[in-house]
Protein backbone atom coordinates (compact mmCIF):
# COMPACT_ATOMS: atom_id res chain seq x y z
CA MET A 1 80.25 70.71 -15.55
CA ASN A 2 80.21 67.07 -14.55
CA ARG A 3 82.67 67.79 -11.77
CA ILE A 4 80.42 70.48 -10.32
CA ALA A 5 77.36 68.19 -10.45
CA ILE A 6 79.23 65.36 -8.73
CA CYS A 7 80.55 67.69 -6.02
CA THR A 8 77.07 69.16 -5.50
CA LEU A 9 75.53 65.68 -5.17
CA ALA A 10 78.23 64.65 -2.69
CA LEU A 11 77.57 67.75 -0.57
CA LEU A 12 73.80 67.19 -0.67
CA ALA A 13 74.23 63.55 0.35
CA ALA A 14 76.49 64.55 3.23
CA ALA A 15 73.98 67.16 4.38
CA CYS A 16 71.21 64.51 4.52
CA GLN A 17 73.14 62.29 6.92
CA PRO A 18 72.23 62.59 10.63
CA PRO A 19 74.93 64.15 12.78
CA GLU A 20 77.30 61.75 14.45
CA THR A 21 76.63 61.31 18.12
CA GLU A 22 78.98 59.93 20.66
CA VAL A 23 77.90 56.60 22.10
CA PRO A 24 78.82 56.42 25.75
CA ALA A 25 81.09 53.54 26.71
CA PRO A 26 79.30 50.80 28.63
CA GLU A 27 79.78 50.90 32.37
CA PRO A 28 81.65 47.96 33.85
CA ALA A 29 79.57 45.36 35.69
CA THR A 30 79.55 45.60 39.45
CA MET A 31 78.97 42.99 42.10
CA ALA A 32 75.80 43.32 44.15
CA GLU A 33 76.12 43.94 47.83
CA PRO A 34 75.39 40.88 50.01
CA GLY A 35 71.70 40.81 50.87
CA ALA A 36 70.77 43.16 48.03
CA VAL A 37 67.46 42.51 46.31
CA ALA A 38 67.40 42.28 42.52
CA PRO A 39 65.01 44.65 40.75
CA GLU A 40 61.75 43.10 39.62
CA GLN A 41 61.88 41.43 36.24
CA THR A 42 59.75 43.33 33.76
CA ASN A 43 59.28 40.39 31.38
CA PRO A 44 58.71 37.31 33.54
CA ALA A 45 59.66 33.98 32.03
CA PRO A 46 56.70 31.95 30.83
CA GLU A 47 55.48 29.37 33.28
CA ALA A 48 56.37 25.76 32.59
CA PRO A 49 53.46 23.72 31.30
CA VAL A 50 51.48 21.99 34.02
CA ALA A 51 51.37 18.70 32.17
CA ASP A 52 55.05 17.77 32.30
CA ALA A 53 54.27 14.14 33.10
CA THR A 54 53.46 11.68 30.34
CA PRO A 55 50.70 9.07 30.50
CA GLU A 56 53.42 6.41 30.49
CA SER A 57 55.16 7.98 33.50
CA VAL A 58 51.87 8.17 35.42
CA LEU A 59 51.25 4.46 34.81
CA GLN A 60 54.86 3.60 35.66
CA THR A 61 54.61 5.53 38.94
CA TRP A 62 51.31 3.78 39.74
CA ALA A 63 52.73 0.34 38.91
CA SER A 64 55.97 0.87 40.85
CA ALA A 65 54.03 2.15 43.86
CA LEU A 66 51.70 -0.87 43.84
CA GLU A 67 54.64 -3.26 43.48
CA ALA A 68 56.35 -1.54 46.46
CA GLY A 69 53.19 -1.45 48.59
CA ASP A 70 53.09 2.37 48.52
CA TRP A 71 49.31 2.63 48.38
CA SER A 72 49.24 6.42 48.91
CA THR A 73 51.44 7.13 45.88
CA ALA A 74 49.51 4.62 43.76
CA ARG A 75 46.19 6.24 44.71
CA ALA A 76 47.56 9.75 44.01
CA GLN A 77 47.95 8.82 40.32
CA TRP A 78 44.16 8.84 40.04
CA GLY A 79 42.31 12.07 39.25
CA GLU A 80 41.72 14.67 41.95
CA ASN A 81 44.73 13.35 43.85
CA GLY A 82 43.18 9.92 44.24
CA SER A 83 39.54 10.63 44.98
CA GLN A 84 38.51 9.57 41.45
CA SER A 85 39.55 6.05 42.39
CA GLY A 86 36.28 5.96 44.32
CA LEU A 87 38.12 4.86 47.47
CA SER A 88 39.41 6.73 50.49
CA GLU A 89 43.10 6.24 51.32
CA ALA A 90 42.18 3.64 53.95
CA GLU A 91 39.84 1.78 51.56
CA PHE A 92 42.44 1.86 48.78
CA ALA A 93 45.10 0.41 51.09
CA ALA A 94 42.68 -2.25 52.39
CA ALA A 95 41.82 -3.30 48.82
CA TYR A 96 45.49 -4.02 48.10
CA HIS A 97 46.46 -5.58 51.46
CA GLN A 98 45.14 -8.91 50.15
CA TYR A 99 48.14 -9.13 47.80
CA LYS A 100 51.48 -10.43 49.08
CA THR A 101 53.29 -9.58 45.84
CA ILE A 102 52.28 -7.56 42.80
CA HIS A 103 53.93 -7.36 39.40
CA ILE A 104 52.52 -5.15 36.64
CA ASP A 105 53.18 -5.25 32.89
CA ILE A 106 51.97 -2.33 30.77
CA ALA A 107 51.57 -2.77 27.01
CA ASP A 108 52.30 0.05 24.58
CA ALA A 109 49.41 2.23 23.46
CA GLU A 110 48.77 5.37 21.44
CA THR A 111 47.46 8.67 22.80
CA GLU A 112 44.12 9.53 21.23
CA GLY A 113 42.02 12.67 21.37
CA ALA A 114 38.26 12.97 21.74
CA ALA A 115 35.81 15.55 23.09
CA GLY A 116 38.49 18.01 24.21
CA SER A 117 40.56 15.43 26.10
CA LEU A 118 43.51 13.16 25.44
CA TYR A 119 43.33 9.48 26.35
CA TYR A 120 45.94 6.75 26.73
CA GLN A 121 44.55 3.24 27.26
CA PRO A 122 47.07 0.39 27.37
CA GLU A 123 46.31 -3.19 28.27
CA VAL A 124 47.65 -3.90 31.77
CA THR A 125 48.43 -7.29 33.29
CA MET A 126 48.73 -7.56 37.07
CA THR A 127 50.08 -10.81 38.49
CA GLY A 128 51.42 -11.98 41.82
CA GLU A 129 50.58 -13.87 44.95
CA MET A 130 47.73 -13.33 47.38
CA VAL A 131 48.40 -13.21 51.13
CA ASN A 132 46.93 -16.75 51.35
CA GLY A 133 49.57 -18.03 48.88
CA GLU A 134 47.27 -18.31 45.85
CA PRO A 135 48.52 -16.83 42.57
CA PHE A 136 46.40 -14.22 40.85
CA ARG A 137 46.21 -12.66 37.40
CA MET A 138 44.15 -9.64 36.31
CA VAL A 139 44.05 -8.16 32.82
CA GLY A 140 42.31 -5.14 31.33
CA PRO A 141 42.67 -1.58 30.13
CA VAL A 142 43.66 1.28 32.40
CA THR A 143 42.67 4.68 31.02
CA VAL A 144 44.88 7.70 31.63
CA LYS A 145 43.54 11.09 30.53
CA ARG A 146 43.93 14.85 30.61
CA VAL A 147 42.15 17.76 28.95
CA ASN A 148 43.68 19.49 25.95
CA ASP A 149 45.59 22.73 26.51
CA VAL A 150 42.65 25.12 26.51
CA PRO A 151 42.29 28.51 28.19
CA GLY A 152 40.69 28.18 31.59
CA ALA A 153 41.70 24.56 32.19
CA THR A 154 42.84 23.95 35.76
CA GLU A 155 46.15 22.36 36.71
CA GLU A 156 44.27 19.25 37.82
CA GLN A 157 42.49 18.99 34.45
CA LEU A 158 45.79 19.38 32.58
CA ARG A 159 47.51 16.70 34.66
CA TRP A 160 47.72 13.19 33.23
CA HIS A 161 45.91 10.93 35.71
CA ILE A 162 44.26 7.54 35.86
CA ALA A 163 40.58 7.96 34.99
CA SER A 164 39.47 4.31 35.07
CA SER A 165 40.67 0.76 35.46
CA ASP A 166 38.92 -2.29 34.05
CA LEU A 167 41.26 -4.95 35.44
CA LYS A 168 39.40 -8.25 35.77
CA PRO A 169 40.49 -11.62 37.17
CA ARG A 170 41.71 -14.02 34.48
CA PRO A 171 42.81 -17.64 34.64
CA ILE A 172 46.46 -18.20 35.52
CA GLU A 173 48.40 -19.20 32.41
């Protein structure tokens, strides 16, 4: 009796299995014809974040540009591609033409968040020689900022940029 029950269960289990289907062999890859256009991608890759730059890299670009006399690149590190500096390109260049040499040291700082934005505010020391041969020294914070990653933020708002500079003349040490 046990043998009949076992055989019956085996037959029932086999009957419940889906029928075997043949899986077609994959087709070999072929080379595209020269000039052929690839079909559109149905799942586009996500866009890279706008804010790839760091606040440190923005300040380093600004400092290197000032040291090299590249006023346009230095101004572009300000918000709205330089217009937040409050100076036109010509005015910005004229403001720095009084310096024969410029050297900038940037202290370490921490990024802080407030009111939906991120801020980085290191102490900056700018030293060098004026065109008239006099040495100069200016010290103060330079604030770099960007908005947090929020829906609807523009590329410009997400970009780290100089928001303000409070460099003030200090005695030469």
